[in-house]
Amino acid sequence: MMPRSLNSSLSRLWTSNRPLTAVGLLMTAALIASSLGLVLDPRTILGAPAWLKPAKFAVSTAIYCFTLAWVFTYLPDWPRTQRIVGWTTAVVFVFEVAIIDVQAWRGTTSHFNVGTAVDAALFSVMGIAILVQTIASAFVAFALWRQPISNRTMGAALRAGMVITLLGASSGGIMTVPTRTQLAEFDQTRRLPVSGAHTVGAPDGGAGLPGTGWSREHGDLRVPHFLGLHAMQLLPLIAVVLSRGRGDAAARTVRAVAGSYVALFGILLVQALLGEPLLAPGSITFALFVTWAFLSVAALWASRTWHGRDRSTLARA
């Protein structure tokens, strides 16, 4: 039953957008290869297994490609946008993961590495490519807001999810800005081997949380970046769970969740910029988390209360 269901899903995605589906399958194969590297290659890069980053990017890229191909099924009136964005995303992701894999094979970092002409060129190519892909994705968000979607709950989830994903992708640009320490080193040596970092308050490569590698001692911009990027998967999943409810009420609930989601993204970004580790927020950040939790519960309660008022009004009618 599972293989038949999987084949059916892949067939629908292939019909929706072949380049994205093909790259999703290619990244699945890349994940298998990177997993073998984790087992067979004992090398580490900045304290992490050499093939951990390629494996994580293969997973993330595969999920993104499959998700975007599925999102395109809700945009029947935008075939040209689907074609341009699909090909752009497919080509960019193949180049990005290929560069990450090549750098892992060379035993060096792929991001922020400008120590040699080759490293700087590869990092620059990745940066430009991702910028192009992010801009292309903005056209998908525009199309979603213009395209009528009969399922109001899913429409709300798709629109908010794509916008928040764009915010998450854009936050990656903050990581490319040279740190004060790097600029000070450049002033003294006139060399800049590393430009940018995902860790705030220390060099990259310190103690990290299992699996993710997020810093346990300092701020880490990968936390809000990750949360933002995956809004396009998480919000539609919530919409599926709520799909049995009344359209208006379920859509309001999704909008409340989306508001909570973007607020959490903002708080995590502030926490990272303050140099605070995820599991050890400062007093101000902790107060923000408490406020966020209270307002989120209140917004969800209000959405359900309005649902009850709607039902009561219909009953009286």
C-alpha atoms as a PDB file:
ATOM      1  CA  MET A   1       0.000   0.000   0.000  1.00  0.00           C
ATOM      2  CA  MET A   2       2.780   2.450   0.925  1.00  0.00           C
ATOM      3  CA  PRO A   3       4.800   2.052  -2.318  1.00  0.00           C
ATOM      4  CA  ARG A   4       1.613   2.479  -4.380  1.00  0.00           C
ATOM      5  CA  SER A   5       0.698   5.637  -2.442  1.00  0.00           C
ATOM      6  CA  LEU A   6       4.246   6.959  -2.808  1.00  0.00           C
ATOM      7  CA  ASN A   7       4.266   6.296  -6.535  1.00  0.00           C
ATOM      8  CA  SER A   8       0.927   8.052  -6.875  1.00  0.00           C
ATOM      9  CA  SER A   9       2.204  11.097  -4.986  1.00  0.00           C
ATOM     10  CA  LEU A  10       5.391  11.259  -7.038  1.00  0.00           C
ATOM     11  CA  SER A  11       3.350  10.933 -10.207  1.00  0.00           C
ATOM     12  CA  ARG A  12       1.212  13.920  -9.223  1.00  0.00           C
ATOM     13  CA  LEU A  13       4.294  15.956  -8.363  1.00  0.00           C
ATOM     14  CA  TRP A  14       5.943  14.967 -11.649  1.00  0.00           C
ATOM     15  CA  THR A  15       2.871  16.140 -13.526  1.00  0.00           C
ATOM     16  CA  SER A  16       2.893  19.380 -11.560  1.00  0.00           C
ATOM     17  CA  ASN A  17       6.567  20.240 -12.173  1.00  0.00           C
ATOM     18  CA  ARG A  18       9.146  17.846 -13.574  1.00  0.00           C
ATOM     19  CA  PRO A  19      12.336  19.845 -12.781  1.00  0.00           C
ATOM     20  CA  LEU A  20      11.443  20.215  -9.106  1.00  0.00           C
ATOM     21  CA  THR A  21      10.410  16.592  -8.730  1.00  0.00           C
ATOM     22  CA  ALA A  22      13.555  15.396 -10.487  1.00  0.00           C
ATOM     23  CA  VAL A  23      15.767  17.500  -8.212  1.00  0.00           C
ATOM     24  CA  GLY A  24      13.842  16.270  -5.173  1.00  0.00           C
ATOM     25  CA  LEU A  25      14.640  12.698  -6.193  1.00  0.00           C
ATOM     26  CA  LEU A  26      18.254  13.646  -6.965  1.00  0.00           C
ATOM     27  CA  MET A  27      18.607  15.170  -3.493  1.00  0.00           C
ATOM     28  CA  THR A  28      17.214  11.980  -1.983  1.00  0.00           C
ATOM     29  CA  ALA A  29      20.038  10.113  -3.700  1.00  0.00           C
ATOM     30  CA  ALA A  30      22.485  12.781  -2.483  1.00  0.00           C
ATOM     31  CA  LEU A  31      21.242  12.189   1.055  1.00  0.00           C
ATOM     32  CA  ILE A  32      22.040   8.493   0.756  1.00  0.00           C
ATOM     33  CA  ALA A  33      25.540   9.319  -0.515  1.00  0.00           C
ATOM     34  CA  SER A  34      26.123  11.857   2.284  1.00  0.00           C
ATOM     35  CA  SER A  35      24.892   9.335   4.849  1.00  0.00           C
ATOM     36  CA  LEU A  36      27.491   6.878   3.579  1.00  0.00           C
ATOM     37  CA  GLY A  37      30.063   9.634   3.949  1.00  0.00           C
ATOM     38  CA  LEU A  38      29.045  10.095   7.574  1.00  0.00           C
ATOM     39  CA  VAL A  39      29.737   6.419   8.174  1.00  0.00           C
ATOM     40  CA  LEU A  40      32.880   5.973   6.093  1.00  0.00           C
ATOM     41  CA  ASP A  41      34.627   9.359   6.358  1.00  0.00           C
ATOM     42  CA  PRO A  42      35.945  10.177   9.854  1.00  0.00           C
ATOM     43  CA  ARG A  43      36.980  13.748   9.023  1.00  0.00           C
ATOM     44  CA  THR A  44      35.463  16.747  10.785  1.00  0.00           C
ATOM     45  CA  ILE A  45      35.047  20.366   9.692  1.00  0.00           C
ATOM     46  CA  LEU A  46      34.806  22.946  12.478  1.00  0.00           C
ATOM     47  CA  GLY A  47      34.143  20.127  14.907  1.00  0.00           C
ATOM     48  CA  ALA A  48      31.239  18.592  12.946  1.00  0.00           C
ATOM     49  CA  PRO A  49      31.328  15.483  10.723  1.00  0.00           C
ATOM     50  CA  ALA A  50      32.417  16.499   7.237  1.00  0.00           C
ATOM     51  CA  TRP A  51      29.306  15.114   5.550  1.00  0.00           C
ATOM     52  CA  LEU A  52      26.741  16.367   8.059  1.00  0.00           C
ATOM     53  CA  LYS A  53      26.099  19.665   6.277  1.00  0.00           C
ATOM     54  CA  PRO A  54      25.707  17.980   2.840  1.00  0.00           C
ATOM     55  CA  ALA A  55      23.228  15.539   4.399  1.00  0.00           C
ATOM     56  CA  LYS A  56      21.194  18.326   6.031  1.00  0.00           C
ATOM     57  CA  PHE A  57      21.090  20.395   2.862  1.00  0.00           C
ATOM     58  CA  ALA A  58      20.079  17.356   0.800  1.00  0.00           C
ATOM     59  CA  VAL A  59      17.119  16.748   3.131  1.00  0.00           C
ATOM     60  CA  SER A  60      16.106  20.399   3.230  1.00  0.00           C
ATOM     61  CA  THR A  61      16.403  20.816  -0.534  1.00  0.00           C
ATOM     62  CA  ALA A  62      14.424  17.655  -1.304  1.00  0.00           C
ATOM     63  CA  ILE A  63      11.615  18.737   1.032  1.00  0.00           C
ATOM     64  CA  TYR A  64      11.554  22.226  -0.467  1.00  0.00           C
ATOM     65  CA  CYS A  65      11.426  20.955  -4.059  1.00  0.00           C
ATOM     66  CA  PHE A  66       8.651  18.454  -3.384  1.00  0.00           C
ATOM     67  CA  THR A  67       6.687  21.060  -1.416  1.00  0.00           C
ATOM     68  CA  LEU A  68       6.992  23.723  -4.106  1.00  0.00           C
ATOM     69  CA  ALA A  69       5.882  21.246  -6.788  1.00  0.00           C
ATOM     70  CA  TRP A  70       2.820  20.513  -4.614  1.00  0.00           C
ATOM     71  CA  VAL A  71       2.150  24.247  -4.092  1.00  0.00           C
ATOM     72  CA  PHE A  72       2.084  24.655  -7.878  1.00  0.00           C
ATOM     73  CA  THR A  73      -1.005  22.433  -8.013  1.00  0.00           C
ATOM     74  CA  TYR A  74      -2.863  25.381  -6.459  1.00  0.00           C
ATOM     75  CA  LEU A  75      -1.698  27.770  -9.202  1.00  0.00           C
ATOM     76  CA  PRO A  76      -3.363  26.514 -12.388  1.00  0.00           C
ATOM     77  CA  ASP A  77      -3.632  30.053 -13.781  1.00  0.00           C
ATOM     78  CA  TRP A  78       0.120  30.704 -13.562  1.00  0.00           C
ATOM     79  CA  PRO A  79       1.855  28.171 -15.855  1.00  0.00           C
ATOM     80  CA  ARG A  80       4.608  30.589 -16.905  1.00  0.00           C
ATOM     81  CA  THR A  81       5.456  31.410 -13.281  1.00  0.00           C
ATOM     82  CA  GLN A  82       5.548  27.698 -12.485  1.00  0.00           C
ATOM     83  CA  ARG A  83       7.885  27.012 -15.380  1.00  0.00           C
ATOM     84  CA  ILE A  84      10.313  29.869 -14.653  1.00  0.00           C
ATOM     85  CA  VAL A  85      10.384  29.415 -10.874  1.00  0.00           C
ATOM     86  CA  GLY A  86      10.540  25.631 -11.161  1.00  0.00           C
ATOM     87  CA  TRP A  87      13.562  25.646 -13.448  1.00  0.00           C
ATOM     88  CA  THR A  88      15.268  28.441 -11.517  1.00  0.00           C
ATOM     89  CA  THR A  89      14.858  26.652  -8.191  1.00  0.00           C
ATOM     90  CA  ALA A  90      15.938  23.309  -9.633  1.00  0.00           C
ATOM     91  CA  VAL A  91      19.131  24.676 -11.208  1.00  0.00           C
ATOM     92  CA  VAL A  92      20.047  26.779  -8.164  1.00  0.00           C
ATOM     93  CA  PHE A  93      19.636  23.912  -5.719  1.00  0.00           C
ATOM     94  CA  VAL A  94      21.674  21.514  -7.832  1.00  0.00           C
ATOM     95  CA  PHE A  95      24.513  24.062  -7.946  1.00  0.00           C
ATOM     96  CA  GLU A  96      24.258  24.829  -4.220  1.00  0.00           C
ATOM     97  CA  VAL A  97      24.301  21.236  -3.012  1.00  0.00           C
ATOM     98  CA  ALA A  98      27.031  20.360  -5.526  1.00  0.00           C
ATOM     99  CA  ILE A  99      29.246  23.135  -4.140  1.00  0.00           C
ATOM    100  CA  ILE A 100      28.544  22.059  -0.550  1.00  0.00           C
ATOM    101  CA  ASP A 101      29.455  18.471  -1.448  1.00  0.00           C
ATOM    102  CA  VAL A 102      32.634  19.513  -3.277  1.00  0.00           C
ATOM    103  CA  GLN A 103      33.780  21.587  -0.315  1.00  0.00           C
ATOM    104  CA  ALA A 104      33.045  18.736   2.086  1.00  0.00           C
ATOM    105  CA  TRP A 105      35.076  16.421  -0.142  1.00  0.00           C
ATOM    106  CA  ARG A 106      37.908  18.976  -0.069  1.00  0.00           C
ATOM    107  CA  GLY A 107      37.681  19.019   3.720  1.00  0.00           C
ATOM    108  CA  THR A 108      36.765  22.684   4.067  1.00  0.00           C
ATOM    109  CA  THR A 109      33.726  24.864   4.711  1.00  0.00           C
ATOM    110  CA  SER A 110      31.348  25.950   1.978  1.00  0.00           C
ATOM    111  CA  HIS A 111      29.720  28.966   3.631  1.00  0.00           C
ATOM    112  CA  PHE A 112      31.557  32.183   4.581  1.00  0.00           C
ATOM    113  CA  ASN A 113      34.801  30.718   3.232  1.00  0.00           C
ATOM    114  CA  VAL A 114      36.707  33.352   1.223  1.00  0.00           C
ATOM    115  CA  GLY A 115      40.209  32.261   2.192  1.00  0.00           C
ATOM    116  CA  THR A 116      41.283  31.414  -1.369  1.00  0.00           C
ATOM    117  CA  ALA A 117      40.164  32.564  -4.800  1.00  0.00           C
ATOM    118  CA  VAL A 118      38.437  29.214  -5.389  1.00  0.00           C
ATOM    119  CA  ASP A 119      36.629  29.267  -2.047  1.00  0.00           C
ATOM    120  CA  ALA A 120      35.559  32.892  -2.488  1.00  0.00           C
ATOM    121  CA  ALA A 121      34.270  32.191  -6.009  1.00  0.00           C
ATOM    122  CA  LEU A 122      32.246  29.180  -4.869  1.00  0.00           C
ATOM    123  CA  PHE A 123      30.749  31.072  -1.941  1.00  0.00           C
ATOM    124  CA  SER A 124      29.894  34.026  -4.190  1.00  0.00           C
ATOM    125  CA  VAL A 125      28.201  31.752  -6.726  1.00  0.00           C
ATOM    126  CA  MET A 126      26.100  30.220  -3.966  1.00  0.00           C
ATOM    127  CA  GLY A 127      25.117  33.623  -2.618  1.00  0.00           C
ATOM    128  CA  ILE A 128      24.069  35.011  -5.992  1.00  0.00           C
ATOM    129  CA  ALA A 129      22.195  31.836  -6.897  1.00  0.00           C
ATOM    130  CA  ILE A 130      20.222  31.792  -3.644  1.00  0.00           C
ATOM    131  CA  LEU A 131      19.381  35.476  -4.058  1.00  0.00           C
ATOM    132  CA  VAL A 132      17.982  34.746  -7.524  1.00  0.00           C
ATOM    133  CA  GLN A 133      15.984  31.799  -6.192  1.00  0.00           C
ATOM    134  CA  THR A 134      14.562  33.888  -3.331  1.00  0.00           C
ATOM    135  CA  ILE A 135      13.446  36.591  -5.748  1.00  0.00           C
ATOM    136  CA  ALA A 136      11.848  33.938  -7.952  1.00  0.00           C
ATOM    137  CA  SER A 137       9.976  32.564  -4.930  1.00  0.00           C
ATOM    138  CA  ALA A 138       8.521  36.012  -4.305  1.00  0.00           C
ATOM    139  CA  PHE A 139       6.616  35.622  -7.582  1.00  0.00           C
ATOM    140  CA  VAL A 140       5.075  32.425  -6.194  1.00  0.00           C
ATOM    141  CA  ALA A 141       3.892  34.345  -3.138  1.00  0.00           C
ATOM    142  CA  PHE A 142       2.428  37.008  -5.402  1.00  0.00           C
ATOM    143  CA  ALA A 143       0.661  34.379  -7.500  1.00  0.00           C
ATOM    144  CA  LEU A 144      -0.793  32.696  -4.400  1.00  0.00           C
ATOM    145  CA  TRP A 145      -2.333  35.968  -3.244  1.00  0.00           C
ATOM    146  CA  ARG A 146      -3.855  36.537  -6.689  1.00  0.00           C
ATOM    147  CA  GLN A 147      -5.004  32.967  -7.370  1.00  0.00           C
ATOM    148  CA  PRO A 148      -8.523  32.116  -6.092  1.00  0.00           C
ATOM    149  CA  ILE A 149      -8.298  29.029  -3.860  1.00  0.00           C
ATOM    150  CA  SER A 150     -11.601  27.356  -3.034  1.00  0.00           C
ATOM    151  CA  ASN A 151     -10.278  25.821   0.182  1.00  0.00           C
ATOM    152  CA  ARG A 152     -10.015  28.967   2.302  1.00  0.00           C
ATOM    153  CA  THR A 153      -8.107  27.240   5.071  1.00  0.00           C
ATOM    154  CA  MET A 154      -5.445  25.896   2.734  1.00  0.00           C
ATOM    155  CA  GLY A 155      -5.343  29.189   0.844  1.00  0.00           C
ATOM    156  CA  ALA A 156      -4.589  31.074   4.059  1.00  0.00           C
ATOM    157  CA  ALA A 157      -1.897  28.541   4.992  1.00  0.00           C
ATOM    158  CA  LEU A 158      -0.214  28.614   1.584  1.00  0.00           C
ATOM    159  CA  ARG A 159      -0.136  32.400   1.354  1.00  0.00           C
ATOM    160  CA  ALA A 160       1.141  32.973   4.878  1.00  0.00           C
ATOM    161  CA  GLY A 161       3.535  30.032   4.646  1.00  0.00           C
ATOM    162  CA  MET A 162       5.203  31.307   1.483  1.00  0.00           C
ATOM    163  CA  VAL A 163       5.569  34.843   2.855  1.00  0.00           C
ATOM    164  CA  ILE A 164       7.126  33.603   6.102  1.00  0.00           C
ATOM    165  CA  THR A 165       9.397  31.273   4.134  1.00  0.00           C
ATOM    166  CA  LEU A 166      10.632  34.288   2.172  1.00  0.00           C
ATOM    167  CA  LEU A 167      11.355  36.061   5.463  1.00  0.00           C
ATOM    168  CA  GLY A 168      13.254  33.010   6.678  1.00  0.00           C
ATOM    169  CA  ALA A 169      15.265  32.810   3.465  1.00  0.00           C
ATOM    170  CA  SER A 170      16.055  36.525   3.585  1.00  0.00           C
ATOM    171  CA  SER A 171      17.354  36.220   7.152  1.00  0.00           C
ATOM    172  CA  GLY A 172      20.210  34.168   5.736  1.00  0.00           C
ATOM    173  CA  GLY A 173      21.649  37.370   4.312  1.00  0.00           C
ATOM    174  CA  ILE A 174      22.410  38.565   7.850  1.00  0.00           C
ATOM    175  CA  MET A 175      24.851  35.683   8.240  1.00  0.00           C
ATOM    176  CA  THR A 176      27.012  36.894   5.347  1.00  0.00           C
ATOM    177  CA  VAL A 177      27.881  40.204   7.017  1.00  0.00           C
ATOM    178  CA  PRO A 178      31.478  40.131   8.386  1.00  0.00           C
ATOM    179  CA  THR A 179      31.627  40.125  12.180  1.00  0.00           C
ATOM    180  CA  ARG A 180      33.490  42.743  14.196  1.00  0.00           C
ATOM    181  CA  THR A 181      36.219  40.226  14.962  1.00  0.00           C
ATOM    182  CA  GLN A 182      36.645  39.424  11.265  1.00  0.00           C
ATOM    183  CA  LEU A 183      36.788  43.115  10.357  1.00  0.00           C
ATOM    184  CA  ALA A 184      39.329  43.756  13.117  1.00  0.00           C
ATOM    185  CA  GLU A 185      41.448  40.889  11.799  1.00  0.00           C
ATOM    186  CA  PHE A 186      41.230  42.352   8.308  1.00  0.00           C
ATOM    187  CA  ASP A 187      42.376  45.749   9.584  1.00  0.00           C
ATOM    188  CA  GLN A 188      45.465  44.133  11.109  1.00  0.00           C
ATOM    189  CA  THR A 189      46.375  41.546   8.476  1.00  0.00           C
ATOM    190  CA  ARG A 190      44.608  42.858   5.334  1.00  0.00           C
ATOM    191  CA  ARG A 191      43.262  39.320   4.902  1.00  0.00           C
ATOM    192  CA  LEU A 192      39.707  38.102   5.320  1.00  0.00           C
ATOM    193  CA  PRO A 193      39.671  34.289   5.246  1.00  0.00           C
ATOM    194  CA  VAL A 194      36.118  34.111   6.639  1.00  0.00           C
ATOM    195  CA  SER A 195      33.325  36.578   5.887  1.00  0.00           C
ATOM    196  CA  GLY A 196      30.217  36.110   7.986  1.00  0.00           C
ATOM    197  CA  ALA A 197      29.005  33.511  10.481  1.00  0.00           C
ATOM    198  CA  HIS A 198      25.856  31.886  11.766  1.00  0.00           C
ATOM    199  CA  THR A 199      27.073  32.072  15.375  1.00  0.00           C
ATOM    200  CA  VAL A 200      26.685  35.419  17.160  1.00  0.00           C
ATOM    201  CA  GLY A 201      29.226  36.169  19.870  1.00  0.00           C
ATOM    202  CA  ALA A 202      31.826  33.551  18.952  1.00  0.00           C
ATOM    203  CA  PRO A 203      33.403  31.905  15.899  1.00  0.00           C
ATOM    204  CA  ASP A 204      31.487  29.105  14.214  1.00  0.00           C
ATOM    205  CA  GLY A 205      32.265  25.579  15.311  1.00  0.00           C
ATOM    206  CA  GLY A 206      31.600  25.554  19.047  1.00  0.00           C
ATOM    207  CA  ALA A 207      29.503  23.080  21.023  1.00  0.00           C
ATOM    208  CA  GLY A 208      26.157  22.494  19.347  1.00  0.00           C
ATOM    209  CA  LEU A 209      22.823  20.811  19.933  1.00  0.00           C
ATOM    210  CA  PRO A 210      22.667  17.193  18.729  1.00  0.00           C
ATOM    211  CA  GLY A 211      21.620  16.788  15.116  1.00  0.00           C
ATOM    212  CA  THR A 212      21.221  20.473  14.280  1.00  0.00           C
ATOM    213  CA  GLY A 213      24.572  21.738  15.542  1.00  0.00           C
ATOM    214  CA  TRP A 214      22.937  24.943  16.789  1.00  0.00           C
ATOM    215  CA  SER A 215      25.172  26.666  19.308  1.00  0.00           C
ATOM    216  CA  ARG A 216      24.602  25.759  22.944  1.00  0.00           C
ATOM    217  CA  GLU A 217      26.648  28.712  24.225  1.00  0.00           C
ATOM    218  CA  HIS A 218      25.930  31.631  21.884  1.00  0.00           C
ATOM    219  CA  GLY A 219      23.325  33.027  19.535  1.00  0.00           C
ATOM    220  CA  ASP A 220      22.749  31.106  16.316  1.00  0.00           C
ATOM    221  CA  LEU A 221      21.043  32.646  13.291  1.00  0.00           C
ATOM    222  CA  ARG A 222      20.298  29.207  11.885  1.00  0.00           C
ATOM    223  CA  VAL A 223      17.464  28.823  14.419  1.00  0.00           C
ATOM    224  CA  PRO A 224      15.138  31.530  13.036  1.00  0.00           C
ATOM    225  CA  HIS A 225      16.382  30.763   9.513  1.00  0.00           C
ATOM    226  CA  PHE A 226      15.246  27.140   9.889  1.00  0.00           C
ATOM    227  CA  LEU A 227      11.880  28.027  11.420  1.00  0.00           C
ATOM    228  CA  GLY A 228      11.129  30.590   8.728  1.00  0.00           C
ATOM    229  CA  LEU A 229      12.124  28.355   5.831  1.00  0.00           C
ATOM    230  CA  HIS A 230       9.789  25.553   6.887  1.00  0.00           C
ATOM    231  CA  ALA A 231       6.638  27.632   7.296  1.00  0.00           C
ATOM    232  CA  MET A 232       5.577  26.522   3.808  1.00  0.00           C
ATOM    233  CA  GLN A 233       5.403  22.947   5.095  1.00  0.00           C
ATOM    234  CA  LEU A 234       4.158  23.411   8.660  1.00  0.00           C
ATOM    235  CA  LEU A 235       1.261  25.804   8.021  1.00  0.00           C
ATOM    236  CA  PRO A 236      -0.295  23.658   5.254  1.00  0.00           C
ATOM    237  CA  LEU A 237       0.005  20.633   7.546  1.00  0.00           C
ATOM    238  CA  ILE A 238      -1.965  22.534  10.177  1.00  0.00           C
ATOM    239  CA  ALA A 239      -4.507  23.433   7.496  1.00  0.00           C
ATOM    240  CA  VAL A 240      -4.921  19.740   6.680  1.00  0.00           C
ATOM    241  CA  VAL A 241      -5.597  18.982  10.345  1.00  0.00           C
ATOM    242  CA  LEU A 242      -8.211  21.757  10.474  1.00  0.00           C
ATOM    243  CA  SER A 243      -9.778  20.901   7.122  1.00  0.00           C
ATOM    244  CA  ARG A 244     -12.808  19.211   8.731  1.00  0.00           C
ATOM    245  CA  GLY A 245     -13.895  22.425  10.371  1.00  0.00           C
ATOM    246  CA  ARG A 246     -16.015  25.202   8.890  1.00  0.00           C
ATOM    247  CA  GLY A 247     -14.118  27.093   6.201  1.00  0.00           C
ATOM    248  CA  ASP A 248     -14.244  30.562   7.773  1.00  0.00           C
ATOM    249  CA  ALA A 249     -13.463  29.391  11.302  1.00  0.00           C
ATOM    250  CA  ALA A 250     -10.633  27.094  10.225  1.00  0.00           C
ATOM    251  CA  ALA A 251      -9.167  29.841   8.044  1.00  0.00           C
ATOM    252  CA  ARG A 252      -9.254  32.251  11.008  1.00  0.00           C
ATOM    253  CA  THR A 253      -7.450  29.688  13.128  1.00  0.00           C
ATOM    254  CA  VAL A 254      -4.760  29.271  10.457  1.00  0.00           C
ATOM    255  CA  ARG A 255      -4.307  33.039  10.301  1.00  0.00           C
ATOM    256  CA  ALA A 256      -3.940  33.131  14.094  1.00  0.00           C
ATOM    257  CA  VAL A 257      -1.325  30.360  13.916  1.00  0.00           C
ATOM    258  CA  ALA A 258       0.468  32.223  11.116  1.00  0.00           C
ATOM    259  CA  GLY A 259       0.580  35.394  13.208  1.00  0.00           C
ATOM    260  CA  SER A 260       1.974  33.413  16.116  1.00  0.00           C
ATOM    261  CA  TYR A 261       4.494  31.746  13.807  1.00  0.00           C
ATOM    262  CA  VAL A 262       5.883  34.982  12.393  1.00  0.00           C
ATOM    263  CA  ALA A 263       6.069  36.470  15.893  1.00  0.00           C
ATOM    264  CA  LEU A 264       8.065  33.458  17.086  1.00  0.00           C
ATOM    265  CA  PHE A 265      10.361  33.840  14.094  1.00  0.00           C
ATOM    266  CA  GLY A 266      10.953  37.480  15.059  1.00  0.00           C
ATOM    267  CA  ILE A 267      11.679  36.622  18.701  1.00  0.00           C
ATOM    268  CA  LEU A 268      14.135  33.874  17.738  1.00  0.00           C
ATOM    269  CA  LEU A 269      15.873  36.305  15.377  1.00  0.00           C
ATOM    270  CA  VAL A 270      16.185  38.888  18.148  1.00  0.00           C
ATOM    271  CA  GLN A 271      17.470  36.212  20.545  1.00  0.00           C
ATOM    272  CA  ALA A 272      20.124  35.110  18.071  1.00  0.00           C
ATOM    273  CA  LEU A 273      21.239  38.686  17.351  1.00  0.00           C
ATOM    274  CA  LEU A 274      21.579  39.280  21.101  1.00  0.00           C
ATOM    275  CA  GLY A 275      24.026  36.374  21.218  1.00  0.00           C
ATOM    276  CA  GLU A 276      21.802  34.193  23.415  1.00  0.00           C
ATOM    277  CA  PRO A 277      21.669  30.409  22.908  1.00  0.00           C
ATOM    278  CA  LEU A 278      18.282  28.904  22.094  1.00  0.00           C
ATOM    279  CA  LEU A 279      17.925  27.049  25.407  1.00  0.00           C
ATOM    280  CA  ALA A 280      19.221  29.885  27.599  1.00  0.00           C
ATOM    281  CA  PRO A 281      17.299  33.076  26.764  1.00  0.00           C
ATOM    282  CA  GLY A 282      18.035  36.289  28.628  1.00  0.00           C
ATOM    283  CA  SER A 283      15.447  38.083  30.762  1.00  0.00           C
ATOM    284  CA  ILE A 284      14.151  40.274  27.929  1.00  0.00           C
ATOM    285  CA  THR A 285      13.923  37.372  25.499  1.00  0.00           C
ATOM    286  CA  PHE A 286      12.234  35.210  28.130  1.00  0.00           C
ATOM    287  CA  ALA A 287       9.646  37.956  28.671  1.00  0.00           C
ATOM    288  CA  LEU A 288       9.075  38.057  24.918  1.00  0.00           C
ATOM    289  CA  PHE A 289       8.542  34.280  24.848  1.00  0.00           C
ATOM    290  CA  VAL A 290       6.007  34.492  27.700  1.00  0.00           C
ATOM    291  CA  THR A 291       4.163  37.343  25.983  1.00  0.00           C
ATOM    292  CA  TRP A 292       4.177  35.433  22.703  1.00  0.00           C
ATOM    293  CA  ALA A 293       2.730  32.314  24.363  1.00  0.00           C
ATOM    294  CA  PHE A 294      -0.009  34.315  26.111  1.00  0.00           C
ATOM    295  CA  LEU A 295      -1.025  36.224  22.966  1.00  0.00           C
ATOM    296  CA  SER A 296      -0.916  33.053  20.851  1.00  0.00           C
ATOM    297  CA  VAL A 297      -3.275  31.227  23.204  1.00  0.00           C
ATOM    298  CA  ALA A 298      -5.545  34.285  23.320  1.00  0.00           C
ATOM    299  CA  ALA A 299      -5.631  34.519  19.511  1.00  0.00           C
ATOM    300  CA  LEU A 300      -6.463  30.818  19.153  1.00  0.00           C
ATOM    301  CA  TRP A 301      -9.151  31.079  21.825  1.00  0.00           C
ATOM    302  CA  ALA A 302     -10.633  34.095  20.064  1.00  0.00           C
ATOM    303  CA  SER A 303     -10.711  32.253  16.735  1.00  0.00           C
ATOM    304  CA  ARG A 304     -12.621  29.363  18.351  1.00  0.00           C
ATOM    305  CA  THR A 305     -14.951  31.791  20.158  1.00  0.00           C
ATOM    306  CA  TRP A 306     -15.825  33.476  16.872  1.00  0.00           C
ATOM    307  CA  HIS A 307     -16.425  30.001  15.484  1.00  0.00           C
ATOM    308  CA  GLY A 308     -18.971  29.377  18.211  1.00  0.00           C
ATOM    309  CA  ARG A 309     -20.669  32.736  17.577  1.00  0.00           C
ATOM    310  CA  ASP A 310     -20.888  31.916  13.868  1.00  0.00           C
ATOM    311  CA  ARG A 311     -22.564  28.582  14.619  1.00  0.00           C
ATOM    312  CA  SER A 312     -24.957  30.249  17.070  1.00  0.00           C
ATOM    313  CA  THR A 313     -25.909  32.873  14.496  1.00  0.00           C
ATOM    314  CA  LEU A 314     -26.537  30.216  11.856  1.00  0.00           C
ATOM    315  CA  ALA A 315     -28.670  28.205  14.285  1.00  0.00           C
ATOM    316  CA  ARG A 316     -30.874  31.219  15.048  1.00  0.00           C
ATOM    317  CA  ALA A 317     -31.186  31.937  11.348  1.00  0.00           C
END
